Amino acid sequence: IWYANYVVQSRALIITIGVSIFLALGVYHDIGWKKIAVVMLISIFMLVFLKSTYFDNLISGLGFTTYSTSIRMQGFSYYFSQMKGHWILGLIPLNTYEGIRAFNWRYYLSDLGMFSILFEYGIIGILIFNLPVIRMFSVYIRSKSKDLYLLSVIPAAVLFSYMSNNIYLVNNILVLPVIMAYVEVFNIQQERLFNPTSGKIKRITY
């Protein structure tokens, strides 16, 4: 959260981190006293954060009347209106970094997160680009041991990418291989630990 605030300066990333942590801890069943202590510390931190001036500024900056949010909503509405007859393949060719000037404003697809892929490549494109996300959900659902880190990574990846930080943009692309590497290693470990026919844990020597 500190990194997101002072280095990245991204409201979307701060919200993503907060929601993912509490969502993961909220539905995770195997929570010992150490994790309870962590939850308490995070809760205390959040209480202090909620009382701060920064939080007030953060909330006010999310309003639909502010420049940052309102311009994104207007851009989304504009691109959505242009999609008539192009839902299958999208508005190809559009460059994600190029803005389109309309109604005395300049709208940027990069401001719309993963929704920009829907406008660029249509329904087929967004299904293809979401295959890693679908894979993450599939691995977690099929896993016999519910990993807390993976449980937090999935909503973080989805929220981070859809709120305004498309993981396929060059600035964010390193997020994708790191997440997918963890997912695939976790999947391999699950296959080694559990016998798919009996469901019993097998002893492994490394």
N, C-alpha and C. Protein backbone atom coordinates (compact mmCIF):
# COMPACT_ATOMS: atom_id res chain seq x y z
N ILE A 1 0.84 -1.20 0.00
CA ILE A 1 0.00 0.00 0.00
C ILE A 1 0.87 1.25 0.00
N TRP A 2 1.95 1.20 0.79
CA TRP A 2 2.88 2.35 0.80
C TRP A 2 3.48 2.54 -0.58
N TYR A 3 3.89 1.44 -1.21
CA TYR A 3 4.49 1.51 -2.55
C TYR A 3 3.51 2.08 -3.55
N ALA A 4 2.27 1.60 -3.49
CA ALA A 4 1.24 2.07 -4.41
C ALA A 4 0.97 3.56 -4.23
N ASN A 5 1.07 4.00 -2.98
CA ASN A 5 0.76 5.39 -2.66
C ASN A 5 1.88 6.33 -3.09
N TYR A 6 3.09 6.06 -2.66
CA TYR A 6 4.19 7.00 -2.84
C TYR A 6 4.99 6.79 -4.12
N VAL A 7 5.01 5.57 -4.62
CA VAL A 7 5.81 5.30 -5.82
C VAL A 7 4.94 5.24 -7.07
N VAL A 8 3.94 4.36 -7.05
CA VAL A 8 3.08 4.21 -8.23
C VAL A 8 2.04 5.32 -8.30
N GLN A 9 1.58 5.79 -7.12
CA GLN A 9 0.55 6.83 -7.03
C GLN A 9 -0.69 6.43 -7.83
N SER A 10 -1.19 5.24 -7.52
CA SER A 10 -2.35 4.71 -8.22
C SER A 10 -3.46 4.39 -7.24
N ARG A 11 -4.57 5.08 -7.34
CA ARG A 11 -5.72 4.80 -6.48
C ARG A 11 -6.27 3.40 -6.76
N ALA A 12 -6.28 3.03 -8.04
CA ALA A 12 -6.80 1.72 -8.41
C ALA A 12 -5.98 0.61 -7.77
N LEU A 13 -4.65 0.77 -7.71
CA LEU A 13 -3.80 -0.25 -7.14
C LEU A 13 -3.99 -0.34 -5.62
N ILE A 14 -4.17 0.80 -4.97
CA ILE A 14 -4.42 0.81 -3.52
C ILE A 14 -5.70 0.06 -3.19
N ILE A 15 -6.76 0.33 -3.94
CA ILE A 15 -8.04 -0.35 -3.73
C ILE A 15 -7.89 -1.84 -4.00
N THR A 16 -7.16 -2.19 -5.06
CA THR A 16 -6.94 -3.58 -5.41
C THR A 16 -6.26 -4.34 -4.28
N ILE A 17 -5.20 -3.77 -3.73
CA ILE A 17 -4.45 -4.41 -2.65
C ILE A 17 -5.36 -4.62 -1.44
N GLY A 18 -6.06 -3.56 -1.04
CA GLY A 18 -6.91 -3.64 0.13
C GLY A 18 -8.01 -4.66 0.00
N VAL A 19 -8.73 -4.63 -1.11
CA VAL A 19 -9.84 -5.56 -1.34
C VAL A 19 -9.34 -7.00 -1.39
N SER A 20 -8.22 -7.22 -2.07
CA SER A 20 -7.69 -8.58 -2.23
C SER A 20 -7.28 -9.18 -0.90
N ILE A 21 -6.60 -8.39 -0.06
CA ILE A 21 -6.14 -8.89 1.24
C ILE A 21 -7.33 -9.30 2.11
N PHE A 22 -8.31 -8.42 2.24
CA PHE A 22 -9.44 -8.72 3.11
C PHE A 22 -10.35 -9.80 2.54
N LEU A 23 -10.50 -9.85 1.21
CA LEU A 23 -11.30 -10.89 0.60
C LEU A 23 -10.66 -12.26 0.81
N ALA A 24 -9.34 -12.32 0.61
CA ALA A 24 -8.63 -13.59 0.77
C ALA A 24 -8.68 -14.07 2.22
N LEU A 25 -8.39 -13.19 3.15
CA LEU A 25 -8.40 -13.57 4.55
C LEU A 25 -9.82 -13.89 5.04
N GLY A 26 -10.80 -13.23 4.43
CA GLY A 26 -12.18 -13.44 4.85
C GLY A 26 -12.73 -14.81 4.50
N VAL A 27 -12.28 -15.38 3.37
CA VAL A 27 -12.83 -16.68 2.94
C VAL A 27 -11.85 -17.83 3.16
N TYR A 28 -10.65 -17.49 3.64
CA TYR A 28 -9.66 -18.53 3.89
C TYR A 28 -9.98 -19.22 5.21
N HIS A 29 -10.02 -20.55 5.22
CA HIS A 29 -10.47 -21.29 6.40
C HIS A 29 -9.34 -21.63 7.37
N ASP A 30 -8.16 -21.88 6.87
CA ASP A 30 -7.05 -22.33 7.71
C ASP A 30 -6.27 -21.13 8.25
N ILE A 31 -6.87 -20.41 9.19
CA ILE A 31 -6.24 -19.22 9.75
C ILE A 31 -5.82 -19.49 11.19
N GLY A 32 -4.52 -19.48 11.44
CA GLY A 32 -3.99 -19.69 12.79
C GLY A 32 -3.82 -18.36 13.51
N TRP A 33 -3.19 -18.41 14.71
CA TRP A 33 -3.05 -17.19 15.52
C TRP A 33 -2.16 -16.17 14.85
N LYS A 34 -1.16 -16.63 14.08
CA LYS A 34 -0.27 -15.68 13.40
C LYS A 34 -1.05 -14.87 12.36
N LYS A 35 -1.91 -15.55 11.63
CA LYS A 35 -2.69 -14.84 10.61
C LYS A 35 -3.71 -13.91 11.28
N ILE A 36 -4.25 -14.35 12.41
CA ILE A 36 -5.18 -13.49 13.15
C ILE A 36 -4.48 -12.21 13.59
N ALA A 37 -3.22 -12.35 14.05
CA ALA A 37 -2.43 -11.18 14.46
C ALA A 37 -2.20 -10.24 13.28
N VAL A 38 -1.93 -10.85 12.11
CA VAL A 38 -1.73 -10.03 10.91
C VAL A 38 -3.00 -9.27 10.56
N VAL A 39 -4.14 -9.96 10.63
CA VAL A 39 -5.42 -9.32 10.33
C VAL A 39 -5.68 -8.16 11.28
N MET A 40 -5.35 -8.36 12.56
CA MET A 40 -5.55 -7.30 13.53
C MET A 40 -4.67 -6.09 13.23
N LEU A 41 -3.41 -6.36 12.87
CA LEU A 41 -2.50 -5.26 12.54
C LEU A 41 -2.97 -4.50 11.30
N ILE A 42 -3.42 -5.26 10.31
CA ILE A 42 -3.94 -4.62 9.09
C ILE A 42 -5.18 -3.79 9.41
N SER A 43 -6.04 -4.33 10.29
CA SER A 43 -7.26 -3.61 10.67
C SER A 43 -6.93 -2.30 11.38
N ILE A 44 -5.94 -2.35 12.28
CA ILE A 44 -5.52 -1.13 12.98
C ILE A 44 -4.98 -0.11 11.99
N PHE A 45 -4.15 -0.61 11.07
CA PHE A 45 -3.60 0.28 10.04
C PHE A 45 -4.71 0.91 9.21
N MET A 46 -5.71 0.10 8.84
CA MET A 46 -6.79 0.59 8.02
C MET A 46 -7.63 1.63 8.77
N LEU A 47 -7.82 1.43 10.09
CA LEU A 47 -8.56 2.40 10.87
C LEU A 47 -7.85 3.75 10.89
N VAL A 48 -6.53 3.71 11.06
CA VAL A 48 -5.74 4.95 11.01
C VAL A 48 -5.83 5.57 9.63
N PHE A 49 -5.75 4.71 8.62
CA PHE A 49 -5.81 5.19 7.23
C PHE A 49 -7.16 5.83 6.92
N LEU A 50 -8.23 5.22 7.41
CA LEU A 50 -9.58 5.74 7.14
C LEU A 50 -9.82 7.09 7.79
N LYS A 51 -9.08 7.38 8.86
CA LYS A 51 -9.23 8.65 9.55
C LYS A 51 -8.31 9.74 9.00
N SER A 52 -7.50 9.40 8.03
CA SER A 52 -6.51 10.34 7.51
C SER A 52 -7.09 11.25 6.44
N THR A 53 -6.41 12.37 6.24
CA THR A 53 -6.80 13.31 5.18
C THR A 53 -6.61 12.68 3.81
N TYR A 54 -5.57 11.83 3.72
CA TYR A 54 -5.30 11.18 2.44
C TYR A 54 -6.50 10.34 1.99
N PHE A 55 -7.13 9.63 2.93
CA PHE A 55 -8.29 8.81 2.58
C PHE A 55 -9.43 9.68 2.08
N ASP A 56 -9.64 10.83 2.72
CA ASP A 56 -10.69 11.75 2.27
C ASP A 56 -10.43 12.22 0.85
N ASN A 57 -9.15 12.51 0.56
CA ASN A 57 -8.78 12.94 -0.80
C ASN A 57 -8.94 11.79 -1.80
N LEU A 58 -8.62 10.57 -1.32
CA LEU A 58 -8.76 9.39 -2.18
C LEU A 58 -10.21 9.18 -2.58
N ILE A 59 -11.12 9.27 -1.62
CA ILE A 59 -12.54 9.07 -1.88
C ILE A 59 -13.09 10.17 -2.78
N SER A 60 -12.73 11.41 -2.48
CA SER A 60 -13.22 12.52 -3.30
C SER A 60 -12.71 12.42 -4.73
N GLY A 61 -11.51 11.84 -4.90
CA GLY A 61 -10.95 11.67 -6.24
C GLY A 61 -11.63 10.59 -7.04
N LEU A 62 -12.42 9.73 -6.37
CA LEU A 62 -13.13 8.66 -7.07
C LEU A 62 -14.51 9.08 -7.54
N GLY A 63 -14.93 10.27 -7.16
CA GLY A 63 -16.26 10.74 -7.54
C GLY A 63 -16.41 10.88 -9.05
N PHE A 64 -17.63 10.68 -9.53
CA PHE A 64 -17.88 10.75 -10.96
C PHE A 64 -17.77 12.17 -11.52
N THR A 65 -17.75 13.16 -10.63
CA THR A 65 -17.65 14.54 -11.09
C THR A 65 -16.21 15.01 -11.20
N THR A 66 -15.26 14.20 -10.69
CA THR A 66 -13.86 14.59 -10.77
C THR A 66 -13.34 14.37 -12.19
N TYR A 67 -12.26 15.06 -12.52
CA TYR A 67 -11.72 14.97 -13.87
C TYR A 67 -11.28 13.55 -14.21
N SER A 68 -10.51 12.92 -13.31
CA SER A 68 -9.94 11.61 -13.59
C SER A 68 -11.01 10.56 -13.85
N THR A 69 -12.01 10.50 -12.96
CA THR A 69 -13.05 9.47 -13.11
C THR A 69 -14.04 9.82 -14.21
N SER A 70 -14.45 11.08 -14.25
CA SER A 70 -15.47 11.46 -15.23
C SER A 70 -14.97 11.31 -16.66
N ILE A 71 -13.68 11.60 -16.89
CA ILE A 71 -13.16 11.49 -18.25
C ILE A 71 -13.10 10.03 -18.67
N ARG A 72 -12.86 9.13 -17.70
CA ARG A 72 -12.88 7.70 -18.01
C ARG A 72 -14.30 7.23 -18.34
N MET A 73 -15.27 7.72 -17.57
CA MET A 73 -16.65 7.34 -17.82
C MET A 73 -17.12 7.86 -19.18
N GLN A 74 -16.73 9.07 -19.50
CA GLN A 74 -17.09 9.63 -20.81
C GLN A 74 -16.42 8.84 -21.93
N GLY A 75 -15.15 8.49 -21.71
CA GLY A 75 -14.44 7.71 -22.71
C GLY A 75 -15.07 6.34 -22.92
N PHE A 76 -15.45 5.70 -21.81
CA PHE A 76 -16.11 4.39 -21.89
C PHE A 76 -17.41 4.51 -22.67
N SER A 77 -18.19 5.55 -22.38
CA SER A 77 -19.46 5.76 -23.06
C SER A 77 -19.23 6.01 -24.55
N TYR A 78 -18.17 6.77 -24.87
CA TYR A 78 -17.89 7.08 -26.28
C TYR A 78 -17.52 5.82 -27.06
N TYR A 79 -16.56 5.05 -26.52
CA TYR A 79 -16.14 3.84 -27.22
C TYR A 79 -17.28 2.82 -27.31
N PHE A 80 -18.09 2.75 -26.27
CA PHE A 80 -19.24 1.84 -26.27
C PHE A 80 -20.20 2.21 -27.39
N SER A 81 -20.40 3.52 -27.60
CA SER A 81 -21.30 3.96 -28.66
C SER A 81 -20.76 3.64 -30.05
N GLN A 82 -19.44 3.49 -30.16
CA GLN A 82 -18.82 3.19 -31.46
C GLN A 82 -18.81 1.70 -31.79
N MET A 83 -19.21 0.88 -30.83
CA MET A 83 -19.10 -0.57 -30.99
C MET A 83 -20.24 -1.20 -31.79
N LYS A 84 -21.26 -0.44 -32.13
CA LYS A 84 -22.40 -0.98 -32.87
C LYS A 84 -21.92 -1.62 -34.18
N GLY A 85 -22.21 -2.90 -34.32
CA GLY A 85 -21.79 -3.63 -35.51
C GLY A 85 -20.37 -4.14 -35.46
N HIS A 86 -19.66 -3.90 -34.33
CA HIS A 86 -18.26 -4.32 -34.23
C HIS A 86 -17.99 -5.17 -32.99
N TRP A 87 -19.05 -5.75 -32.41
CA TRP A 87 -18.88 -6.46 -31.15
C TRP A 87 -18.04 -7.73 -31.28
N ILE A 88 -18.05 -8.36 -32.42
CA ILE A 88 -17.33 -9.62 -32.58
C ILE A 88 -15.82 -9.41 -32.67
N LEU A 89 -15.39 -8.49 -33.53
CA LEU A 89 -13.95 -8.27 -33.75
C LEU A 89 -13.45 -6.93 -33.22
N GLY A 90 -14.33 -6.09 -32.75
CA GLY A 90 -13.89 -4.83 -32.16
C GLY A 90 -13.57 -3.75 -33.19
N LEU A 91 -12.98 -2.67 -32.71
CA LEU A 91 -12.69 -1.50 -33.54
C LEU A 91 -11.27 -1.55 -34.08
N ILE A 92 -10.82 -2.70 -34.53
CA ILE A 92 -9.48 -2.84 -35.09
C ILE A 92 -9.36 -1.95 -36.33
N PRO A 93 -8.23 -1.26 -36.60
CA PRO A 93 -7.08 -1.23 -35.71
C PRO A 93 -7.08 0.04 -34.86
N LEU A 94 -6.93 -0.09 -33.55
CA LEU A 94 -6.76 1.05 -32.65
C LEU A 94 -5.50 0.82 -31.83
N ASN A 95 -4.70 1.87 -31.66
CA ASN A 95 -3.50 1.76 -30.84
C ASN A 95 -3.86 2.16 -29.42
N THR A 96 -3.52 1.31 -28.46
CA THR A 96 -3.90 1.54 -27.07
C THR A 96 -3.38 2.87 -26.54
N TYR A 97 -2.21 3.30 -27.01
CA TYR A 97 -1.61 4.51 -26.48
C TYR A 97 -2.10 5.77 -27.19
N GLU A 98 -2.81 5.62 -28.28
CA GLU A 98 -3.30 6.78 -29.00
C GLU A 98 -4.67 7.19 -28.49
N GLY A 99 -4.85 8.49 -28.35
CA GLY A 99 -6.14 8.99 -27.91
C GLY A 99 -7.02 9.36 -29.09
N ILE A 100 -8.31 9.40 -28.85
CA ILE A 100 -9.27 9.81 -29.87
C ILE A 100 -9.95 11.07 -29.37
N ARG A 101 -9.94 12.08 -30.19
CA ARG A 101 -10.54 13.34 -29.79
C ARG A 101 -12.01 13.36 -30.20
N ALA A 102 -12.87 13.63 -29.21
CA ALA A 102 -14.31 13.70 -29.48
C ALA A 102 -14.96 14.55 -28.40
N PHE A 103 -15.94 15.33 -28.81
CA PHE A 103 -16.69 16.18 -27.87
C PHE A 103 -15.76 17.10 -27.06
N ASN A 104 -14.74 17.64 -27.75
CA ASN A 104 -13.78 18.57 -27.13
C ASN A 104 -12.93 17.91 -26.04
N TRP A 105 -12.86 16.61 -26.03
CA TRP A 105 -12.01 15.88 -25.08
C TRP A 105 -11.15 14.90 -25.85
N ARG A 106 -10.09 14.43 -25.20
CA ARG A 106 -9.27 13.36 -25.77
C ARG A 106 -9.38 12.13 -24.87
N TYR A 107 -9.88 11.05 -25.43
CA TYR A 107 -10.08 9.82 -24.67
C TYR A 107 -8.97 8.82 -25.01
N TYR A 108 -8.47 8.14 -23.98
CA TYR A 108 -7.40 7.17 -24.16
C TYR A 108 -7.90 5.78 -23.76
N LEU A 109 -7.70 4.82 -24.65
CA LEU A 109 -8.09 3.45 -24.35
C LEU A 109 -7.33 2.90 -23.14
N SER A 110 -6.08 3.35 -22.95
CA SER A 110 -5.28 2.85 -21.84
C SER A 110 -5.87 3.22 -20.49
N ASP A 111 -6.80 4.19 -20.45
CA ASP A 111 -7.45 4.58 -19.19
C ASP A 111 -8.54 3.60 -18.79
N LEU A 112 -8.93 2.71 -19.68
CA LEU A 112 -10.09 1.85 -19.44
C LEU A 112 -9.73 0.43 -19.03
N GLY A 113 -8.46 0.20 -18.71
CA GLY A 113 -8.06 -1.13 -18.27
C GLY A 113 -8.32 -2.19 -19.32
N MET A 114 -8.71 -3.37 -18.88
CA MET A 114 -8.94 -4.48 -19.80
C MET A 114 -10.15 -4.26 -20.70
N PHE A 115 -11.01 -3.32 -20.32
CA PHE A 115 -12.16 -3.03 -21.19
C PHE A 115 -11.69 -2.48 -22.54
N SER A 116 -10.47 -1.91 -22.57
CA SER A 116 -9.94 -1.41 -23.83
C SER A 116 -9.78 -2.55 -24.84
N ILE A 117 -9.49 -3.76 -24.35
CA ILE A 117 -9.35 -4.92 -25.23
C ILE A 117 -10.68 -5.26 -25.88
N LEU A 118 -11.77 -5.11 -25.12
CA LEU A 118 -13.09 -5.35 -25.69
C LEU A 118 -13.35 -4.41 -26.85
N PHE A 119 -12.99 -3.14 -26.68
CA PHE A 119 -13.22 -2.15 -27.73
C PHE A 119 -12.28 -2.36 -28.91
N GLU A 120 -11.05 -2.79 -28.64
CA GLU A 120 -10.08 -3.00 -29.72
C GLU A 120 -10.33 -4.29 -30.48
N TYR A 121 -10.55 -5.39 -29.74
CA TYR A 121 -10.58 -6.71 -30.37
C TYR A 121 -11.90 -7.44 -30.22
N GLY A 122 -12.89 -6.80 -29.63
CA GLY A 122 -14.22 -7.38 -29.56
C GLY A 122 -14.34 -8.53 -28.56
N ILE A 123 -15.45 -9.24 -28.65
CA ILE A 123 -15.74 -10.33 -27.72
C ILE A 123 -14.73 -11.46 -27.88
N ILE A 124 -14.36 -11.79 -29.12
CA ILE A 124 -13.38 -12.85 -29.35
C ILE A 124 -12.04 -12.48 -28.70
N GLY A 125 -11.63 -11.23 -28.87
CA GLY A 125 -10.36 -10.79 -28.33
C GLY A 125 -10.32 -10.82 -26.82
N ILE A 126 -11.38 -10.33 -26.18
CA ILE A 126 -11.35 -10.27 -24.72
C ILE A 126 -11.42 -11.67 -24.11
N LEU A 127 -12.06 -12.62 -24.80
CA LEU A 127 -12.05 -14.01 -24.33
C LEU A 127 -10.64 -14.59 -24.39
N ILE A 128 -9.93 -14.30 -25.49
CA ILE A 128 -8.56 -14.80 -25.64
C ILE A 128 -7.64 -14.18 -24.59
N PHE A 129 -7.73 -12.88 -24.40
CA PHE A 129 -6.85 -12.19 -23.46
C PHE A 129 -7.18 -12.55 -22.00
N ASN A 130 -8.37 -13.09 -21.76
CA ASN A 130 -8.74 -13.48 -20.40
C ASN A 130 -8.44 -14.94 -20.09
N LEU A 131 -7.82 -15.65 -21.03
CA LEU A 131 -7.48 -17.05 -20.80
C LEU A 131 -6.59 -17.23 -19.56
N PRO A 132 -5.59 -16.36 -19.32
CA PRO A 132 -4.80 -16.52 -18.09
C PRO A 132 -5.64 -16.39 -16.82
N VAL A 133 -6.61 -15.48 -16.83
CA VAL A 133 -7.50 -15.30 -15.67
C VAL A 133 -8.37 -16.54 -15.48
N ILE A 134 -8.91 -17.05 -16.58
CA ILE A 134 -9.72 -18.27 -16.53
C ILE A 134 -8.89 -19.43 -16.01
N ARG A 135 -7.62 -19.48 -16.45
CA ARG A 135 -6.70 -20.52 -15.99
C ARG A 135 -6.47 -20.42 -14.48
N MET A 136 -6.31 -19.21 -13.97
CA MET A 136 -6.11 -19.01 -12.54
C MET A 136 -7.29 -19.55 -11.74
N PHE A 137 -8.50 -19.19 -12.15
CA PHE A 137 -9.70 -19.67 -11.47
C PHE A 137 -9.80 -21.19 -11.54
N SER A 138 -9.46 -21.75 -12.70
CA SER A 138 -9.55 -23.19 -12.90
C SER A 138 -8.59 -23.93 -11.96
N VAL A 139 -7.35 -23.44 -11.88
CA VAL A 139 -6.35 -24.07 -11.02
C VAL A 139 -6.79 -24.01 -9.56
N TYR A 140 -7.30 -22.86 -9.15
CA TYR A 140 -7.69 -22.71 -7.74
C TYR A 140 -8.90 -23.60 -7.40
N ILE A 141 -9.89 -23.63 -8.28
CA ILE A 141 -11.10 -24.42 -8.02
C ILE A 141 -10.77 -25.90 -7.95
N ARG A 142 -9.85 -26.37 -8.81
CA ARG A 142 -9.50 -27.79 -8.84
C ARG A 142 -8.53 -28.18 -7.73
N SER A 143 -7.88 -27.21 -7.10
CA SER A 143 -6.87 -27.52 -6.09
C SER A 143 -7.52 -28.06 -4.81
N LYS A 144 -6.87 -29.04 -4.21
CA LYS A 144 -7.40 -29.64 -2.99
C LYS A 144 -7.02 -28.84 -1.75
N SER A 145 -5.89 -28.15 -1.79
CA SER A 145 -5.50 -27.27 -0.69
C SER A 145 -5.63 -25.83 -1.17
N LYS A 146 -6.40 -25.03 -0.44
CA LYS A 146 -6.69 -23.67 -0.85
C LYS A 146 -5.61 -22.72 -0.35
N ASP A 147 -4.77 -22.29 -1.26
CA ASP A 147 -3.62 -21.45 -0.92
C ASP A 147 -4.04 -20.00 -0.73
N LEU A 148 -3.62 -19.41 0.39
CA LEU A 148 -4.02 -18.04 0.71
C LEU A 148 -3.44 -17.04 -0.29
N TYR A 149 -2.19 -17.25 -0.67
CA TYR A 149 -1.56 -16.31 -1.60
C TYR A 149 -2.25 -16.35 -2.96
N LEU A 150 -2.53 -17.55 -3.45
CA LEU A 150 -3.21 -17.67 -4.74
C LEU A 150 -4.61 -17.07 -4.66
N LEU A 151 -5.25 -17.24 -3.51
CA LEU A 151 -6.59 -16.69 -3.30
C LEU A 151 -6.59 -15.17 -3.35
N SER A 152 -5.49 -14.55 -2.94
CA SER A 152 -5.38 -13.10 -3.00
C SER A 152 -4.91 -12.62 -4.37
N VAL A 153 -4.12 -13.45 -5.05
CA VAL A 153 -3.59 -13.07 -6.37
C VAL A 153 -4.71 -12.96 -7.40
N ILE A 154 -5.67 -13.88 -7.37
CA ILE A 154 -6.72 -13.91 -8.39
C ILE A 154 -7.55 -12.62 -8.41
N PRO A 155 -8.17 -12.22 -7.27
CA PRO A 155 -8.93 -10.96 -7.32
C PRO A 155 -8.04 -9.75 -7.58
N ALA A 156 -6.78 -9.81 -7.10
CA ALA A 156 -5.85 -8.70 -7.33
C ALA A 156 -5.60 -8.52 -8.83
N ALA A 157 -5.35 -9.64 -9.52
CA ALA A 157 -5.09 -9.58 -10.96
C ALA A 157 -6.29 -9.07 -11.73
N VAL A 158 -7.48 -9.54 -11.34
CA VAL A 158 -8.70 -9.13 -12.04
C VAL A 158 -9.01 -7.65 -11.78
N LEU A 159 -8.98 -7.26 -10.50
CA LEU A 159 -9.29 -5.86 -10.16
C LEU A 159 -8.26 -4.91 -10.74
N PHE A 160 -6.98 -5.26 -10.58
CA PHE A 160 -5.90 -4.41 -11.07
C PHE A 160 -6.02 -4.17 -12.57
N SER A 161 -6.35 -5.24 -13.29
CA SER A 161 -6.38 -5.14 -14.74
C SER A 161 -7.63 -4.46 -15.27
N TYR A 162 -8.77 -4.64 -14.59
CA TYR A 162 -10.01 -4.08 -15.11
C TYR A 162 -10.27 -2.66 -14.64
N MET A 163 -9.71 -2.26 -13.50
CA MET A 163 -10.01 -0.93 -12.98
C MET A 163 -9.38 0.17 -13.83
N SER A 164 -8.14 -0.04 -14.25
CA SER A 164 -7.51 0.96 -15.14
C SER A 164 -6.09 0.58 -15.50
N ASN A 165 -5.63 -0.61 -15.08
CA ASN A 165 -4.24 -0.99 -15.29
C ASN A 165 -4.15 -2.30 -16.07
N ASN A 166 -4.42 -2.24 -17.34
CA ASN A 166 -4.41 -3.41 -18.21
C ASN A 166 -3.06 -4.13 -18.11
N ILE A 167 -3.06 -5.40 -17.71
CA ILE A 167 -1.80 -6.13 -17.53
C ILE A 167 -1.11 -6.44 -18.85
N TYR A 168 -1.76 -6.16 -19.97
CA TYR A 168 -1.12 -6.38 -21.25
C TYR A 168 -0.42 -5.14 -21.79
N LEU A 169 -0.57 -4.00 -21.11
CA LEU A 169 0.17 -2.81 -21.52
C LEU A 169 1.64 -3.00 -21.18
N VAL A 170 2.50 -2.36 -21.94
CA VAL A 170 3.94 -2.55 -21.77
C VAL A 170 4.40 -2.16 -20.36
N ASN A 171 3.74 -1.18 -19.74
CA ASN A 171 4.13 -0.75 -18.40
C ASN A 171 3.79 -1.77 -17.32
N ASN A 172 2.81 -2.64 -17.59
CA ASN A 172 2.34 -3.59 -16.59
C ASN A 172 2.59 -5.04 -16.95
N ILE A 173 3.18 -5.30 -18.11
CA ILE A 173 3.22 -6.65 -18.65
C ILE A 173 3.98 -7.63 -17.76
N LEU A 174 4.93 -7.15 -16.95
CA LEU A 174 5.68 -8.06 -16.09
C LEU A 174 4.82 -8.68 -14.99
N VAL A 175 3.68 -8.09 -14.72
CA VAL A 175 2.76 -8.65 -13.73
C VAL A 175 2.28 -10.03 -14.19
N LEU A 176 2.00 -10.16 -15.47
CA LEU A 176 1.38 -11.38 -16.00
C LEU A 176 2.28 -12.62 -15.86
N PRO A 177 3.54 -12.60 -16.35
CA PRO A 177 4.36 -13.81 -16.22
C PRO A 177 4.65 -14.19 -14.77
N VAL A 178 4.78 -13.20 -13.89
CA VAL A 178 5.03 -13.50 -12.47
C VAL A 178 3.83 -14.24 -11.86
N ILE A 179 2.64 -13.72 -12.13
CA ILE A 179 1.43 -14.36 -11.60
C ILE A 179 1.23 -15.75 -12.18
N MET A 180 1.39 -15.87 -13.50
CA MET A 180 1.17 -17.17 -14.14
C MET A 180 2.22 -18.19 -13.72
N ALA A 181 3.45 -17.73 -13.46
CA ALA A 181 4.49 -18.64 -12.98
C ALA A 181 4.09 -19.23 -11.64
N TYR A 182 3.58 -18.39 -10.75
CA TYR A 182 3.14 -18.88 -9.44
C TYR A 182 1.98 -19.87 -9.60
N VAL A 183 1.03 -19.53 -10.45
CA VAL A 183 -0.13 -20.39 -10.67
C VAL A 183 0.29 -21.76 -11.17
N GLU A 184 1.21 -21.80 -12.15
CA GLU A 184 1.62 -23.07 -12.74
C GLU A 184 2.47 -23.89 -11.77
N VAL A 185 3.35 -23.24 -11.00
CA VAL A 185 4.14 -23.96 -9.99
C VAL A 185 3.21 -24.54 -8.93
N PHE A 186 2.24 -23.75 -8.50
CA PHE A 186 1.26 -24.22 -7.53
C PHE A 186 0.50 -25.42 -8.08
N ASN A 187 0.14 -25.37 -9.34
CA ASN A 187 -0.61 -26.45 -9.97
C ASN A 187 0.22 -27.74 -10.02
N ILE A 188 1.50 -27.61 -10.35
CA ILE A 188 2.39 -28.77 -10.39
C ILE A 188 2.54 -29.38 -9.00
N GLN A 189 2.69 -28.53 -7.99
CA GLN A 189 2.82 -29.01 -6.62
C GLN A 189 1.56 -29.77 -6.18
N GLN A 190 0.40 -29.26 -6.59
CA GLN A 190 -0.85 -29.94 -6.25
C GLN A 190 -0.91 -31.32 -6.89
N GLU A 191 -0.47 -31.43 -8.14
CA GLU A 191 -0.50 -32.71 -8.83
C GLU A 191 0.46 -33.71 -8.19
N ARG A 192 1.58 -33.20 -7.66
CA ARG A 192 2.55 -34.08 -7.03
C ARG A 192 2.10 -34.51 -5.63
N LEU A 193 1.44 -33.62 -4.93
CA LEU A 193 1.05 -33.90 -3.55
C LEU A 193 -0.13 -34.84 -3.43
N PHE A 194 -1.04 -34.77 -4.39
CA PHE A 194 -2.27 -35.55 -4.26
C PHE A 194 -2.37 -36.60 -5.36
N ASN A 195 -2.79 -37.77 -4.94
CA ASN A 195 -3.06 -38.84 -5.89
C ASN A 195 -4.44 -38.60 -6.49
N PRO A 196 -4.53 -38.36 -7.77
CA PRO A 196 -5.83 -38.04 -8.38
C PRO A 196 -6.86 -39.16 -8.28
N THR A 197 -6.44 -40.41 -8.04
CA THR A 197 -7.39 -41.51 -7.96
C THR A 197 -7.91 -41.71 -6.55
N SER A 198 -7.02 -41.56 -5.54
CA SER A 198 -7.45 -41.80 -4.16
C SER A 198 -7.62 -40.53 -3.36
N GLY A 199 -6.97 -39.45 -3.80
CA GLY A 199 -7.06 -38.19 -3.07
C GLY A 199 -6.15 -38.15 -1.86
N LYS A 200 -5.31 -39.21 -1.65
CA LYS A 200 -4.43 -39.23 -0.50
C LYS A 200 -3.13 -38.49 -0.80
N ILE A 201 -2.57 -37.89 0.23
CA ILE A 201 -1.31 -37.16 0.08
C ILE A 201 -0.18 -38.15 -0.08
N LYS A 202 0.69 -37.91 -1.07
CA LYS A 202 1.83 -38.77 -1.30
C LYS A 202 3.08 -38.11 -0.72
N ARG A 203 3.99 -38.94 -0.22
CA ARG A 203 5.24 -38.43 0.32
C ARG A 203 6.18 -38.09 -0.83
N ILE A 204 6.78 -36.92 -0.77
CA ILE A 204 7.67 -36.48 -1.84
C ILE A 204 9.03 -36.13 -1.25
N THR A 205 10.08 -36.57 -1.91
CA THR A 205 11.44 -36.24 -1.48
C THR A 205 12.07 -35.34 -2.52
N TYR A 206 12.52 -34.16 -2.07
CA TYR A 206 13.15 -33.22 -2.99
C TYR A 206 14.68 -33.32 -2.85
